[in-house]
Amino acid sequence: MKKQQGFTLIELMIVVAIIAILAAIALPAYSDYTKKSKVSEVVLAASAVRTAVAEYASSNNSLPPAAWAGFEAQSSKYVSSVAWNGTTITATARGIGSGVDTSTITLTAALNSANGTVDWTCSGSIPAKYRPGSCQ
């Protein structure tokens, strides 16, 4: 008689179950990674204003006023607006996903008048697990 070769039904079911378990673990992690990468664009938009504020502060030894328009307001697929209020840069997210849309990243400025540099504190309403390491 010929010996039949191949996998049994039980073996195939075990492999399918293992793949299903791995997919159940990987998909939520992948979703978090994609949201985190999109939030980095929001931080990048705020950083552009941060550079302009730092240049103003080093030239004038003071923070720019709230009505200052010396920066280019950026918006993109994931950034709805970036605003300066005299002490804080606020970048608002959009199109990223639930739990993040309409949330903000805020960069708060503190002028070191001794040398004209600006110290920044990052915070915001975007959950910490989506913010970059520099903004925890």
Foldseek 3Di string as FASTA:
>chain_A
DDDDDDDDPVVVVVVVVVVVVVCVVPVVVVLLVQLLVLVVVQVVQLVQVVVVQLVVLQVPVAGDAQPDDRGDWDDDCFWDTWGGHRFKIWTATDDRDPQRHRKIKIWGWDAPSVRRGIDIAIDISRDPSSYDPVRD
